[in-house]
Amino acid sequence: MSEKLNVELNDRQRELLLRGLRFVRSSRMLEFRDSSEITEDKRKEELSEIRQLVEMLDVKSRRSEPAAV
């Protein structure tokens, strides 16, 4: 994740992307893997990358929302 890519998304696109990332995260967490295929550290790294993407998208959506008082 060293390259940066700026993409403008409308609210609907962002929500679809977030939903897809949540699905991928759940799928990866529940997936049975052959121990020779991937290590536990690699799996945790993948899940961490997905979490970071979700957090980046959530931050952008929170910035566009008015503050609640």
N, C-alpha and C. Protein backbone atom coordinates (compact mmCIF):
# COMPACT_ATOMS: atom_id res chain seq x y z
N MET A 1 0.82 -1.19 0.00
CA MET A 1 0.00 0.00 0.00
C MET A 1 0.87 1.26 0.00
N SER A 2 1.91 1.26 -0.77
CA SER A 2 2.79 2.42 -0.78
C SER A 2 2.36 3.46 -1.81
N GLU A 3 1.65 3.06 -2.85
CA GLU A 3 1.19 4.02 -3.86
C GLU A 3 -0.12 4.65 -3.41
N LYS A 4 -0.27 5.94 -3.71
CA LYS A 4 -1.50 6.64 -3.36
C LYS A 4 -2.33 6.84 -4.62
N LEU A 5 -3.62 6.70 -4.45
CA LEU A 5 -4.56 6.89 -5.54
C LEU A 5 -5.73 7.71 -5.00
N ASN A 6 -5.95 8.86 -5.58
CA ASN A 6 -7.07 9.70 -5.18
C ASN A 6 -8.26 9.42 -6.07
N VAL A 7 -9.37 9.10 -5.45
CA VAL A 7 -10.59 8.78 -6.19
C VAL A 7 -11.73 9.55 -5.53
N GLU A 8 -12.50 10.23 -6.35
CA GLU A 8 -13.67 10.93 -5.82
C GLU A 8 -14.87 10.00 -5.90
N LEU A 9 -15.53 9.82 -4.77
CA LEU A 9 -16.69 8.94 -4.70
C LEU A 9 -17.88 9.72 -4.18
N ASN A 10 -19.06 9.43 -4.74
CA ASN A 10 -20.25 10.02 -4.14
C ASN A 10 -20.65 9.15 -2.95
N ASP A 11 -21.64 9.59 -2.20
CA ASP A 11 -22.02 8.86 -0.98
C ASP A 11 -22.44 7.42 -1.27
N ARG A 12 -23.16 7.22 -2.34
CA ARG A 12 -23.62 5.87 -2.70
C ARG A 12 -22.44 4.96 -3.05
N GLN A 13 -21.49 5.47 -3.82
CA GLN A 13 -20.31 4.69 -4.20
C GLN A 13 -19.48 4.33 -2.97
N ARG A 14 -19.32 5.29 -2.07
CA ARG A 14 -18.54 5.04 -0.85
C ARG A 14 -19.21 3.97 0.00
N GLU A 15 -20.55 4.05 0.13
CA GLU A 15 -21.26 3.05 0.92
C GLU A 15 -21.15 1.66 0.29
N LEU A 16 -21.24 1.57 -1.03
CA LEU A 16 -21.07 0.28 -1.71
C LEU A 16 -19.67 -0.28 -1.49
N LEU A 17 -18.68 0.58 -1.57
CA LEU A 17 -17.30 0.14 -1.35
C LEU A 17 -17.09 -0.32 0.09
N LEU A 18 -17.63 0.42 1.05
CA LEU A 18 -17.52 0.02 2.45
C LEU A 18 -18.20 -1.32 2.70
N ARG A 19 -19.38 -1.50 2.11
CA ARG A 19 -20.09 -2.77 2.26
C ARG A 19 -19.27 -3.93 1.69
N GLY A 20 -18.67 -3.69 0.53
CA GLY A 20 -17.83 -4.71 -0.08
C GLY A 20 -16.61 -5.04 0.77
N LEU A 21 -15.98 -4.02 1.34
CA LEU A 21 -14.82 -4.25 2.20
C LEU A 21 -15.21 -5.03 3.46
N ARG A 22 -16.36 -4.72 4.00
CA ARG A 22 -16.82 -5.46 5.18
C ARG A 22 -17.08 -6.93 4.82
N PHE A 23 -17.63 -7.16 3.63
CA PHE A 23 -17.86 -8.53 3.18
C PHE A 23 -16.53 -9.28 3.01
N VAL A 24 -15.55 -8.62 2.40
CA VAL A 24 -14.24 -9.24 2.20
C VAL A 24 -13.60 -9.55 3.54
N ARG A 25 -13.68 -8.60 4.48
CA ARG A 25 -13.10 -8.82 5.81
C ARG A 25 -13.75 -10.03 6.48
N SER A 26 -15.07 -10.11 6.44
CA SER A 26 -15.77 -11.24 7.04
C SER A 26 -15.38 -12.55 6.36
N SER A 27 -15.29 -12.51 5.05
CA SER A 27 -14.92 -13.69 4.30
C SER A 27 -13.53 -14.18 4.68
N ARG A 28 -12.59 -13.24 4.79
CA ARG A 28 -11.22 -13.60 5.16
C ARG A 28 -11.13 -14.13 6.58
N MET A 29 -11.92 -13.56 7.47
CA MET A 29 -11.89 -13.99 8.87
C MET A 29 -12.45 -15.40 9.03
N LEU A 30 -13.44 -15.74 8.21
CA LEU A 30 -14.10 -17.03 8.34
C LEU A 30 -13.52 -18.11 7.43
N GLU A 31 -12.64 -17.73 6.52
CA GLU A 31 -12.11 -18.65 5.53
C GLU A 31 -11.19 -19.69 6.16
N PHE A 32 -11.40 -20.94 5.77
CA PHE A 32 -10.49 -22.01 6.20
C PHE A 32 -9.33 -22.04 5.22
N ARG A 33 -8.14 -22.04 5.74
CA ARG A 33 -6.97 -22.02 4.87
C ARG A 33 -6.03 -23.17 5.20
N ASP A 34 -5.44 -23.70 4.17
CA ASP A 34 -4.40 -24.70 4.35
C ASP A 34 -3.21 -23.99 4.98
N SER A 35 -2.64 -24.59 6.00
CA SER A 35 -1.55 -23.92 6.73
C SER A 35 -0.35 -23.62 5.84
N SER A 36 -0.17 -24.37 4.75
CA SER A 36 0.96 -24.10 3.85
C SER A 36 0.65 -22.94 2.90
N GLU A 37 -0.64 -22.60 2.76
CA GLU A 37 -1.03 -21.55 1.81
C GLU A 37 -0.68 -20.16 2.33
N ILE A 38 -0.97 -19.88 3.59
CA ILE A 38 -0.74 -18.54 4.14
C ILE A 38 -0.50 -18.66 5.64
N THR A 39 0.36 -17.81 6.14
CA THR A 39 0.66 -17.84 7.57
C THR A 39 -0.36 -16.99 8.33
N GLU A 40 -0.44 -17.20 9.61
CA GLU A 40 -1.33 -16.41 10.45
C GLU A 40 -0.94 -14.93 10.42
N ASP A 41 0.35 -14.65 10.37
CA ASP A 41 0.82 -13.26 10.30
C ASP A 41 0.36 -12.59 9.01
N LYS A 42 0.43 -13.32 7.90
CA LYS A 42 -0.01 -12.78 6.61
C LYS A 42 -1.51 -12.51 6.64
N ARG A 43 -2.26 -13.42 7.24
CA ARG A 43 -3.71 -13.25 7.36
C ARG A 43 -4.03 -12.01 8.19
N LYS A 44 -3.33 -11.83 9.30
CA LYS A 44 -3.54 -10.65 10.14
C LYS A 44 -3.17 -9.38 9.39
N GLU A 45 -2.13 -9.45 8.58
CA GLU A 45 -1.73 -8.29 7.78
C GLU A 45 -2.82 -7.92 6.77
N GLU A 46 -3.39 -8.92 6.12
CA GLU A 46 -4.49 -8.68 5.18
C GLU A 46 -5.67 -8.02 5.87
N LEU A 47 -6.05 -8.55 7.03
CA LEU A 47 -7.18 -8.00 7.77
C LEU A 47 -6.88 -6.57 8.22
N SER A 48 -5.65 -6.30 8.58
CA SER A 48 -5.25 -4.95 8.98
C SER A 48 -5.36 -3.98 7.81
N GLU A 49 -4.94 -4.40 6.63
CA GLU A 49 -5.04 -3.56 5.44
C GLU A 49 -6.50 -3.24 5.12
N ILE A 50 -7.36 -4.23 5.24
CA ILE A 50 -8.79 -4.02 4.99
C ILE A 50 -9.35 -3.04 6.01
N ARG A 51 -8.98 -3.21 7.28
CA ARG A 51 -9.44 -2.31 8.33
C ARG A 51 -8.99 -0.88 8.06
N GLN A 52 -7.75 -0.71 7.61
CA GLN A 52 -7.24 0.63 7.29
C GLN A 52 -8.04 1.28 6.16
N LEU A 53 -8.37 0.50 5.14
CA LEU A 53 -9.18 1.03 4.04
C LEU A 53 -10.55 1.48 4.52
N VAL A 54 -11.17 0.67 5.36
CA VAL A 54 -12.48 1.02 5.90
C VAL A 54 -12.39 2.30 6.72
N GLU A 55 -11.35 2.40 7.54
CA GLU A 55 -11.19 3.60 8.37
C GLU A 55 -10.96 4.85 7.51
N MET A 56 -10.19 4.72 6.44
CA MET A 56 -9.97 5.87 5.56
C MET A 56 -11.28 6.33 4.93
N LEU A 57 -12.10 5.40 4.50
CA LEU A 57 -13.37 5.76 3.89
C LEU A 57 -14.34 6.32 4.91
N ASP A 58 -14.35 5.76 6.11
CA ASP A 58 -15.23 6.26 7.17
C ASP A 58 -14.84 7.68 7.57
N VAL A 59 -13.57 7.99 7.64
CA VAL A 59 -13.12 9.33 7.99
C VAL A 59 -13.61 10.33 6.97
N LYS A 60 -13.53 10.00 5.70
CA LYS A 60 -14.00 10.89 4.65
C LYS A 60 -15.50 11.13 4.77
N SER A 61 -16.26 10.10 5.09
CA SER A 61 -17.71 10.28 5.20
C SER A 61 -18.05 11.11 6.44
N ARG A 62 -17.29 10.97 7.52
CA ARG A 62 -17.55 11.77 8.71
C ARG A 62 -17.22 13.24 8.49
N ARG A 63 -16.21 13.53 7.68
CA ARG A 63 -15.86 14.92 7.40
C ARG A 63 -16.97 15.65 6.67
N SER A 64 -17.70 14.94 5.81
CA SER A 64 -18.73 15.59 5.00
C SER A 64 -20.04 15.76 5.77
N GLU A 65 -20.19 15.07 6.90
CA GLU A 65 -21.41 15.18 7.68
C GLU A 65 -21.34 16.37 8.63
N PRO A 66 -22.45 17.05 8.83
CA PRO A 66 -22.44 18.16 9.78
C PRO A 66 -22.27 17.64 11.20
N ALA A 67 -21.65 18.42 12.04
CA ALA A 67 -21.42 18.03 13.43
C ALA A 67 -22.74 18.01 14.20
N ALA A 68 -22.92 17.01 15.00
CA ALA A 68 -24.13 16.92 15.81
C ALA A 68 -23.93 17.68 17.10
N VAL A 69 -24.94 18.43 17.50
CA VAL A 69 -24.87 19.19 18.75
C VAL A 69 -26.01 18.86 19.65
